[in-house]
Amino acid sequence: MGPVQWEILPHPAHSPDLAPSDFHLFGPLKRHLGGIAFETEDGLISELRNWFDNLDVDFFRVSINSLLSRWQKCIDLHGDYVEK
């Protein structure tokens, strides 16, 4: 399997409500890693790779669909803050 290719999506600065990594990725990742103590950086990297490799495609589909909805709300509010 080759390296994962990522497309970087633009979003307004200082808008964590519109950044997919902030509202959809980091919460579940933080919960997954919570309470685990890593003795080495390699151990952490291995666990991160394992977590990402085992994510279901629906995890990303939900994120993208939610992002589209949030971006539309931002457009409708002329760039104002978007709440859930």
PDB file of N, CA and C in Angstrom:
ATOM      1  N   MET A   1       0.850  -1.171   0.000  1.00  0.00           N
ATOM      2  CA  MET A   1       0.000   0.000   0.000  1.00  0.00           C
ATOM      3  C   MET A   1       0.900   1.239   0.000  1.00  0.00           C
ATOM      4  N   GLY A   2       0.641   2.186  -0.892  1.00  0.00           N
ATOM      5  CA  GLY A   2       1.442   3.393  -1.005  1.00  0.00           C
ATOM      6  C   GLY A   2       1.075   4.417   0.048  1.00  0.00           C
ATOM      7  N   PRO A   3       1.807   5.529   0.046  1.00  0.00           N
ATOM      8  CA  PRO A   3       1.515   6.579   1.026  1.00  0.00           C
ATOM      9  C   PRO A   3       0.135   7.184   0.788  1.00  0.00           C
ATOM     10  N   VAL A   4      -0.472   7.624   1.860  1.00  0.00           N
ATOM     11  CA  VAL A   4      -1.787   8.248   1.793  1.00  0.00           C
ATOM     12  C   VAL A   4      -1.630   9.639   1.188  1.00  0.00           C
ATOM     13  N   GLN A   5      -2.495   9.969   0.264  1.00  0.00           N
ATOM     14  CA  GLN A   5      -2.488  11.291  -0.344  1.00  0.00           C
ATOM     15  C   GLN A   5      -3.595  12.128   0.283  1.00  0.00           C
ATOM     16  N   TRP A   6      -3.255  13.312   0.753  1.00  0.00           N
ATOM     17  CA  TRP A   6      -4.224  14.192   1.399  1.00  0.00           C
ATOM     18  C   TRP A   6      -4.398  15.440   0.557  1.00  0.00           C
ATOM     19  N   GLU A   7      -5.612  15.905   0.441  1.00  0.00           N
ATOM     20  CA  GLU A   7      -5.886  17.194  -0.183  1.00  0.00           C
ATOM     21  C   GLU A   7      -6.133  18.185   0.949  1.00  0.00           C
ATOM     22  N   ILE A   8      -5.386  19.262   0.949  1.00  0.00           N
ATOM     23  CA  ILE A   8      -5.537  20.275   1.992  1.00  0.00           C
ATOM     24  C   ILE A   8      -6.668  21.206   1.594  1.00  0.00           C
ATOM     25  N   LEU A   9      -7.671  21.296   2.467  1.00  0.00           N
ATOM     26  CA  LEU A   9      -8.826  22.141   2.204  1.00  0.00           C
ATOM     27  C   LEU A   9      -8.622  23.511   2.830  1.00  0.00           C
ATOM     28  N   PRO A  10      -8.843  24.580   2.078  1.00  0.00           N
ATOM     29  CA  PRO A  10      -8.696  25.915   2.657  1.00  0.00           C
ATOM     30  C   PRO A  10      -9.840  26.216   3.619  1.00  0.00           C
ATOM     31  N   HIS A  11      -9.538  26.964   4.640  1.00  0.00           N
ATOM     32  CA  HIS A  11     -10.581  27.429   5.551  1.00  0.00           C
ATOM     33  C   HIS A  11     -10.116  28.728   6.169  1.00  0.00           C
ATOM     34  N   PRO A  12     -11.060  29.570   6.614  1.00  0.00           N
ATOM     35  CA  PRO A  12     -10.688  30.857   7.185  1.00  0.00           C
ATOM     36  C   PRO A  12      -9.810  30.695   8.428  1.00  0.00           C
ATOM     37  N   ALA A  13      -8.873  31.593   8.582  1.00  0.00           N
ATOM     38  CA  ALA A  13      -8.026  31.591   9.778  1.00  0.00           C
ATOM     39  C   ALA A  13      -8.899  31.799  11.014  1.00  0.00           C
ATOM     40  N   HIS A  14      -8.503  31.193  12.109  1.00  0.00           N
ATOM     41  CA  HIS A  14      -9.195  31.350  13.392  1.00  0.00           C
ATOM     42  C   HIS A  14     -10.637  30.863  13.343  1.00  0.00           C
ATOM     43  N   SER A  15     -10.904  29.834  12.570  1.00  0.00           N
ATOM     44  CA  SER A  15     -12.247  29.271  12.498  1.00  0.00           C
ATOM     45  C   SER A  15     -12.202  27.764  12.763  1.00  0.00           C
ATOM     46  N   PRO A  16     -11.954  27.367  14.018  1.00  0.00           N
ATOM     47  CA  PRO A  16     -11.873  25.937  14.309  1.00  0.00           C
ATOM     48  C   PRO A  16     -13.176  25.202  14.024  1.00  0.00           C
ATOM     49  N   ASP A  17     -14.291  25.942  13.997  1.00  0.00           N
ATOM     50  CA  ASP A  17     -15.567  25.318  13.692  1.00  0.00           C
ATOM     51  C   ASP A  17     -15.660  24.892  12.233  1.00  0.00           C
ATOM     52  N   LEU A  18     -14.721  25.362  11.403  1.00  0.00           N
ATOM     53  CA  LEU A  18     -14.723  25.012   9.987  1.00  0.00           C
ATOM     54  C   LEU A  18     -13.532  24.148   9.597  1.00  0.00           C
ATOM     55  N   ALA A  19     -12.668  23.837  10.536  1.00  0.00           N
ATOM     56  CA  ALA A  19     -11.488  23.018  10.253  1.00  0.00           C
ATOM     57  C   ALA A  19     -11.814  21.567  10.572  1.00  0.00           C
ATOM     58  N   PRO A  20     -11.801  20.682   9.561  1.00  0.00           N
ATOM     59  CA  PRO A  20     -12.181  19.290   9.816  1.00  0.00           C
ATOM     60  C   PRO A  20     -11.345  18.624  10.895  1.00  0.00           C
ATOM     61  N   SER A  21     -10.072  18.959  10.965  1.00  0.00           N
ATOM     62  CA  SER A  21      -9.224  18.325  11.973  1.00  0.00           C
ATOM     63  C   SER A  21      -9.645  18.723  13.380  1.00  0.00           C
ATOM     64  N   ASP A  22     -10.089  19.960  13.558  1.00  0.00           N
ATOM     65  CA  ASP A  22     -10.464  20.426  14.885  1.00  0.00           C
ATOM     66  C   ASP A  22     -11.789  19.850  15.353  1.00  0.00           C
ATOM     67  N   PHE A  23     -12.799  19.834  14.503  1.00  0.00           N
ATOM     68  CA  PHE A  23     -14.112  19.428  14.986  1.00  0.00           C
ATOM     69  C   PHE A  23     -14.422  17.960  14.789  1.00  0.00           C
ATOM     70  N   HIS A  24     -13.647  17.252  13.982  1.00  0.00           N
ATOM     71  CA  HIS A  24     -14.007  15.857  13.760  1.00  0.00           C
ATOM     72  C   HIS A  24     -12.873  14.871  14.037  1.00  0.00           C
ATOM     73  N   LEU A  25     -11.643  15.278  13.865  1.00  0.00           N
ATOM     74  CA  LEU A  25     -10.529  14.346  13.978  1.00  0.00           C
ATOM     75  C   LEU A  25      -9.919  14.308  15.373  1.00  0.00           C
ATOM     76  N   PHE A  26      -9.609  15.483  15.926  1.00  0.00           N
ATOM     77  CA  PHE A  26      -8.842  15.508  17.165  1.00  0.00           C
ATOM     78  C   PHE A  26      -9.609  15.003  18.376  1.00  0.00           C
ATOM     79  N   GLY A  27     -10.927  15.204  18.420  1.00  0.00           N
ATOM     80  CA  GLY A  27     -11.711  14.687  19.555  1.00  0.00           C
ATOM     81  C   GLY A  27     -11.632  13.173  19.670  1.00  0.00           C
ATOM     82  N   PRO A  28     -11.988  12.442  18.600  1.00  0.00           N
ATOM     83  CA  PRO A  28     -11.882  10.985  18.671  1.00  0.00           C
ATOM     84  C   PRO A  28     -10.444  10.495  18.895  1.00  0.00           C
ATOM     85  N   LEU A  29      -9.484  11.183  18.298  1.00  0.00           N
ATOM     86  CA  LEU A  29      -8.087  10.778  18.493  1.00  0.00           C
ATOM     87  C   LEU A  29      -7.674  10.987  19.952  1.00  0.00           C
ATOM     88  N   LYS A  30      -8.081  12.105  20.528  1.00  0.00           N
ATOM     89  CA  LYS A  30      -7.770  12.380  21.930  1.00  0.00           C
ATOM     90  C   LYS A  30      -8.400  11.329  22.842  1.00  0.00           C
ATOM     91  N   ARG A  31      -9.645  10.952  22.551  1.00  0.00           N
ATOM     92  CA  ARG A  31     -10.309   9.915  23.359  1.00  0.00           C
ATOM     93  C   ARG A  31      -9.590   8.572  23.213  1.00  0.00           C
ATOM     94  N   HIS A  32      -9.148   8.266  21.998  1.00  0.00           N
ATOM     95  CA  HIS A  32      -8.445   7.000  21.768  1.00  0.00           C
ATOM     96  C   HIS A  32      -7.125   6.949  22.540  1.00  0.00           C
ATOM     97  N   LEU A  33      -6.389   8.041  22.541  1.00  0.00           N
ATOM     98  CA  LEU A  33      -5.068   8.062  23.171  1.00  0.00           C
ATOM     99  C   LEU A  33      -5.129   8.338  24.670  1.00  0.00           C
ATOM    100  N   GLY A  34      -6.294   8.752  25.165  1.00  0.00           N
ATOM    101  CA  GLY A  34      -6.428   9.104  26.572  1.00  0.00           C
ATOM    102  C   GLY A  34      -5.990   7.985  27.501  1.00  0.00           C
ATOM    103  N   GLY A  35      -5.128   8.301  28.424  1.00  0.00           N
ATOM    104  CA  GLY A  35      -4.687   7.345  29.429  1.00  0.00           C
ATOM    105  C   GLY A  35      -3.556   6.430  28.991  1.00  0.00           C
ATOM    106  N   ILE A  36      -3.132   6.520  27.742  1.00  0.00           N
ATOM    107  CA  ILE A  36      -2.032   5.682  27.266  1.00  0.00           C
ATOM    108  C   ILE A  36      -0.720   6.429  27.479  1.00  0.00           C
ATOM    109  N   ALA A  37       0.235   5.783  28.115  1.00  0.00           N
ATOM    110  CA  ALA A  37       1.567   6.368  28.310  1.00  0.00           C
ATOM    111  C   ALA A  37       2.530   5.695  27.330  1.00  0.00           C
ATOM    112  N   PHE A  38       3.172   6.480  26.512  1.00  0.00           N
ATOM    113  CA  PHE A  38       4.110   5.946  25.524  1.00  0.00           C
ATOM    114  C   PHE A  38       5.525   6.122  26.033  1.00  0.00           C
ATOM    115  N   GLU A  39       6.281   5.058  25.949  1.00  0.00           N
ATOM    116  CA  GLU A  39       7.672   5.118  26.408  1.00  0.00           C
ATOM    117  C   GLU A  39       8.589   5.715  25.361  1.00  0.00           C
ATOM    118  N   THR A  40       8.190   5.602  24.099  1.00  0.00           N
ATOM    119  CA  THR A  40       9.033   6.138  23.026  1.00  0.00           C
ATOM    120  C   THR A  40       8.164   6.853  22.002  1.00  0.00           C
ATOM    121  N   GLU A  41       8.809   7.713  21.240  1.00  0.00           N
ATOM    122  CA  GLU A  41       8.127   8.391  20.140  1.00  0.00           C
ATOM    123  C   GLU A  41       7.668   7.365  19.103  1.00  0.00           C
ATOM    124  N   ASP A  42       8.483   6.342  18.878  1.00  0.00           N
ATOM    125  CA  ASP A  42       8.117   5.296  17.917  1.00  0.00           C
ATOM    126  C   ASP A  42       6.840   4.569  18.340  1.00  0.00           C
ATOM    127  N   GLY A  43       6.656   4.375  19.644  1.00  0.00           N
ATOM    128  CA  GLY A  43       5.440   3.742  20.143  1.00  0.00           C
ATOM    129  C   GLY A  43       4.216   4.592  19.846  1.00  0.00           C
ATOM    130  N   LEU A  44       4.350   5.901  20.028  1.00  0.00           N
ATOM    131  CA  LEU A  44       3.258   6.820  19.724  1.00  0.00           C
ATOM    132  C   LEU A  44       2.957   6.801  18.227  1.00  0.00           C
ATOM    133  N   ILE A  45       3.990   6.890  17.419  1.00  0.00           N
ATOM    134  CA  ILE A  45       3.810   6.883  15.960  1.00  0.00           C
ATOM    135  C   ILE A  45       3.140   5.590  15.515  1.00  0.00           C
ATOM    136  N   SER A  46       3.550   4.477  16.069  1.00  0.00           N
ATOM    137  CA  SER A  46       2.951   3.192  15.729  1.00  0.00           C
ATOM    138  C   SER A  46       1.470   3.165  16.085  1.00  0.00           C
ATOM    139  N   GLU A  47       1.112   3.672  17.252  1.00  0.00           N
ATOM    140  CA  GLU A  47      -0.286   3.700  17.676  1.00  0.00           C
ATOM    141  C   GLU A  47      -1.109   4.625  16.786  1.00  0.00           C
ATOM    142  N   LEU A  48      -0.539   5.778  16.412  1.00  0.00           N
ATOM    143  CA  LEU A  48      -1.234   6.699  15.514  1.00  0.00           C
ATOM    144  C   LEU A  48      -1.491   6.054  14.154  1.00  0.00           C
ATOM    145  N   ARG A  49      -0.476   5.411  13.619  1.00  0.00           N
ATOM    146  CA  ARG A  49      -0.640   4.738  12.321  1.00  0.00           C
ATOM    147  C   ARG A  49      -1.702   3.649  12.403  1.00  0.00           C
ATOM    148  N   ASN A  50      -1.684   2.889  13.476  1.00  0.00           N
ATOM    149  CA  ASN A  50      -2.671   1.835  13.672  1.00  0.00           C
ATOM    150  C   ASN A  50      -4.077   2.423  13.734  1.00  0.00           C
ATOM    151  N   TRP A  51      -4.249   3.509  14.484  1.00  0.00           N
ATOM    152  CA  TRP A  51      -5.557   4.143  14.620  1.00  0.00           C
ATOM    153  C   TRP A  51      -6.061   4.631  13.265  1.00  0.00           C
ATOM    154  N   PHE A  52      -5.212   5.346  12.533  1.00  0.00           N
ATOM    155  CA  PHE A  52      -5.619   5.851  11.218  1.00  0.00           C
ATOM    156  C   PHE A  52      -5.905   4.713  10.245  1.00  0.00           C
ATOM    157  N   ASP A  53      -5.082   3.679  10.252  1.00  0.00           N
ATOM    158  CA  ASP A  53      -5.267   2.552   9.334  1.00  0.00           C
ATOM    159  C   ASP A  53      -6.580   1.821   9.577  1.00  0.00           C
ATOM    160  N   ASN A  54      -7.077   1.867  10.805  1.00  0.00           N
ATOM    161  CA  ASN A  54      -8.288   1.130  11.146  1.00  0.00           C
ATOM    162  C   ASN A  54      -9.560   1.969  11.146  1.00  0.00           C
ATOM    163  N   LEU A  55      -9.455   3.234  10.758  1.00  0.00           N
ATOM    164  CA  LEU A  55     -10.654   4.063  10.666  1.00  0.00           C
ATOM    165  C   LEU A  55     -11.489   3.614   9.476  1.00  0.00           C
ATOM    166  N   ASP A  56     -12.769   3.544   9.683  1.00  0.00           N
ATOM    167  CA  ASP A  56     -13.693   3.176   8.633  1.00  0.00           C
ATOM    168  C   ASP A  56     -13.919   4.369   7.694  1.00  0.00           C
ATOM    169  N   VAL A  57     -14.213   4.097   6.444  1.00  0.00           N
ATOM    170  CA  VAL A  57     -14.441   5.165   5.470  1.00  0.00           C
ATOM    171  C   VAL A  57     -15.590   6.076   5.915  1.00  0.00           C
ATOM    172  N   ASP A  58     -16.558   5.538   6.646  1.00  0.00           N
ATOM    173  CA  ASP A  58     -17.664   6.364   7.127  1.00  0.00           C
ATOM    174  C   ASP A  58     -17.212   7.451   8.096  1.00  0.00           C
ATOM    175  N   PHE A  59     -16.124   7.201   8.816  1.00  0.00           N
ATOM    176  CA  PHE A  59     -15.579   8.216   9.712  1.00  0.00           C
ATOM    177  C   PHE A  59     -15.273   9.491   8.913  1.00  0.00           C
ATOM    178  N   PHE A  60     -14.668   9.323   7.753  1.00  0.00           N
ATOM    179  CA  PHE A  60     -14.310  10.463   6.917  1.00  0.00           C
ATOM    180  C   PHE A  60     -15.520  11.015   6.158  1.00  0.00           C
ATOM    181  N   ARG A  61     -16.431  10.148   5.753  1.00  0.00           N
ATOM    182  CA  ARG A  61     -17.631  10.591   5.043  1.00  0.00           C
ATOM    183  C   ARG A  61     -18.461  11.514   5.940  1.00  0.00           C
ATOM    184  N   VAL A  62     -18.628  11.131   7.188  1.00  0.00           N
ATOM    185  CA  VAL A  62     -19.382  11.958   8.144  1.00  0.00           C
ATOM    186  C   VAL A  62     -18.700  13.311   8.306  1.00  0.00           C
ATOM    187  N   SER A  63     -17.389  13.300   8.408  1.00  0.00           N
ATOM    188  CA  SER A  63     -16.637  14.541   8.571  1.00  0.00           C
ATOM    189  C   SER A  63     -16.836  15.481   7.391  1.00  0.00           C
ATOM    190  N   ILE A  64     -16.696  14.962   6.183  1.00  0.00           N
ATOM    191  CA  ILE A  64     -16.834  15.799   4.995  1.00  0.00           C
ATOM    192  C   ILE A  64     -18.256  16.320   4.863  1.00  0.00           C
ATOM    193  N   ASN A  65     -19.247  15.468   5.095  1.00  0.00           N
ATOM    194  CA  ASN A  65     -20.637  15.932   5.012  1.00  0.00           C
ATOM    195  C   ASN A  65     -20.925  17.014   6.038  1.00  0.00           C
ATOM    196  N   SER A  66     -20.403  16.864   7.233  1.00  0.00           N
ATOM    197  CA  SER A  66     -20.584  17.870   8.272  1.00  0.00           C
ATOM    198  C   SER A  66     -19.877  19.166   7.896  1.00  0.00           C
ATOM    199  N   LEU A  67     -18.716  19.042   7.309  1.00  0.00           N
ATOM    200  CA  LEU A  67     -17.960  20.222   6.892  1.00  0.00           C
ATOM    201  C   LEU A  67     -18.727  21.013   5.833  1.00  0.00           C
ATOM    202  N   LEU A  68     -19.304  20.317   4.870  1.00  0.00           N
ATOM    203  CA  LEU A  68     -20.069  20.997   3.827  1.00  0.00           C
ATOM    204  C   LEU A  68     -21.214  21.800   4.433  1.00  0.00           C
ATOM    205  N   SER A  69     -21.896  21.192   5.390  1.00  0.00           N
ATOM    206  CA  SER A  69     -22.996  21.870   6.065  1.00  0.00           C
ATOM    207  C   SER A  69     -22.495  23.108   6.830  1.00  0.00           C
ATOM    208  N   ARG A  70     -21.391  22.972   7.525  1.00  0.00           N
ATOM    209  CA  ARG A  70     -20.842  24.094   8.288  1.00  0.00           C
ATOM    210  C   ARG A  70     -20.366  25.213   7.367  1.00  0.00           C
ATOM    211  N   TRP A  71     -19.737  24.847   6.249  1.00  0.00           N
ATOM    212  CA  TRP A  71     -19.294  25.879   5.297  1.00  0.00           C
ATOM    213  C   TRP A  71     -20.498  26.641   4.747  1.00  0.00           C
ATOM    214  N   GLN A  72     -21.578  25.928   4.437  1.00  0.00           N
ATOM    215  CA  GLN A  72     -22.770  26.600   3.922  1.00  0.00           C
ATOM    216  C   GLN A  72     -23.335  27.560   4.959  1.00  0.00           C
ATOM    217  N   LYS A  73     -23.362  27.142   6.234  1.00  0.00           N
ATOM    218  CA  LYS A  73     -23.832  28.036   7.294  1.00  0.00           C
ATOM    219  C   LYS A  73     -22.967  29.283   7.369  1.00  0.00           C
ATOM    220  N   CYS A  74     -21.658  29.117   7.240  1.00  0.00           N
ATOM    221  CA  CYS A  74     -20.739  30.250   7.278  1.00  0.00           C
ATOM    222  C   CYS A  74     -21.021  31.203   6.117  1.00  0.00           C
ATOM    223  N   ILE A  75     -21.256  30.660   4.939  1.00  0.00           N
ATOM    224  CA  ILE A  75     -21.585  31.484   3.768  1.00  0.00           C
ATOM    225  C   ILE A  75     -22.891  32.231   4.017  1.00  0.00           C
ATOM    226  N   ASP A  76     -23.896  31.511   4.517  1.00  0.00           N
ATOM    227  CA  ASP A  76     -25.192  32.130   4.787  1.00  0.00           C
ATOM    228  C   ASP A  76     -25.105  33.232   5.838  1.00  0.00           C
ATOM    229  N   LEU A  77     -24.153  33.085   6.779  1.00  0.00           N
ATOM    230  CA  LEU A  77     -23.972  34.094   7.840  1.00  0.00           C
ATOM    231  C   LEU A  77     -22.910  35.134   7.486  1.00  0.00           C
ATOM    232  N   HIS A  78     -22.486  35.134   6.227  1.00  0.00           N
ATOM    233  CA  HIS A  78     -21.472  36.087   5.735  1.00  0.00           C
ATOM    234  C   HIS A  78     -20.188  36.031   6.537  1.00  0.00           C
ATOM    235  N   GLY A  79     -19.770  34.809   6.876  1.00  0.00           N
ATOM    236  CA  GLY A  79     -18.492  34.607   7.548  1.00  0.00           C
ATOM    237  C   GLY A  79     -18.548  34.635   9.064  1.00  0.00           C
ATOM    238  N   ASP A  80     -19.733  34.807   9.637  1.00  0.00           N
ATOM    239  CA  ASP A  80     -19.860  34.818  11.083  1.00  0.00           C
ATOM    240  C   ASP A  80     -19.602  33.440  11.663  1.00  0.00           C
ATOM    241  N   TYR A  81     -19.419  33.366  12.964  1.00  0.00           N
ATOM    242  CA  TYR A  81     -19.144  32.116  13.676  1.00  0.00           C
ATOM    243  C   TYR A  81     -20.271  31.118  13.441  1.00  0.00           C
ATOM    244  N   VAL A  82     -19.892  29.848  13.220  1.00  0.00           N
ATOM    245  CA  VAL A  82     -20.864  28.782  12.985  1.00  0.00           C
ATOM    246  C   VAL A  82     -20.916  27.892  14.220  1.00  0.00           C
ATOM    247  N   GLU A  83     -22.088  27.809  14.837  1.00  0.00           N
ATOM    248  CA  GLU A  83     -22.256  26.895  15.968  1.00  0.00           C
ATOM    249  C   GLU A  83     -22.826  25.589  15.464  1.00  0.00           C
ATOM    250  N   LYS A  84     -22.736  24.560  16.289  1.00  0.00           N
ATOM    251  CA  LYS A  84     -23.232  23.224  15.905  1.00  0.00           C
ATOM    252  C   LYS A  84     -24.704  23.256  15.580  1.00  0.00           C
TER     253      LYS A  84
END
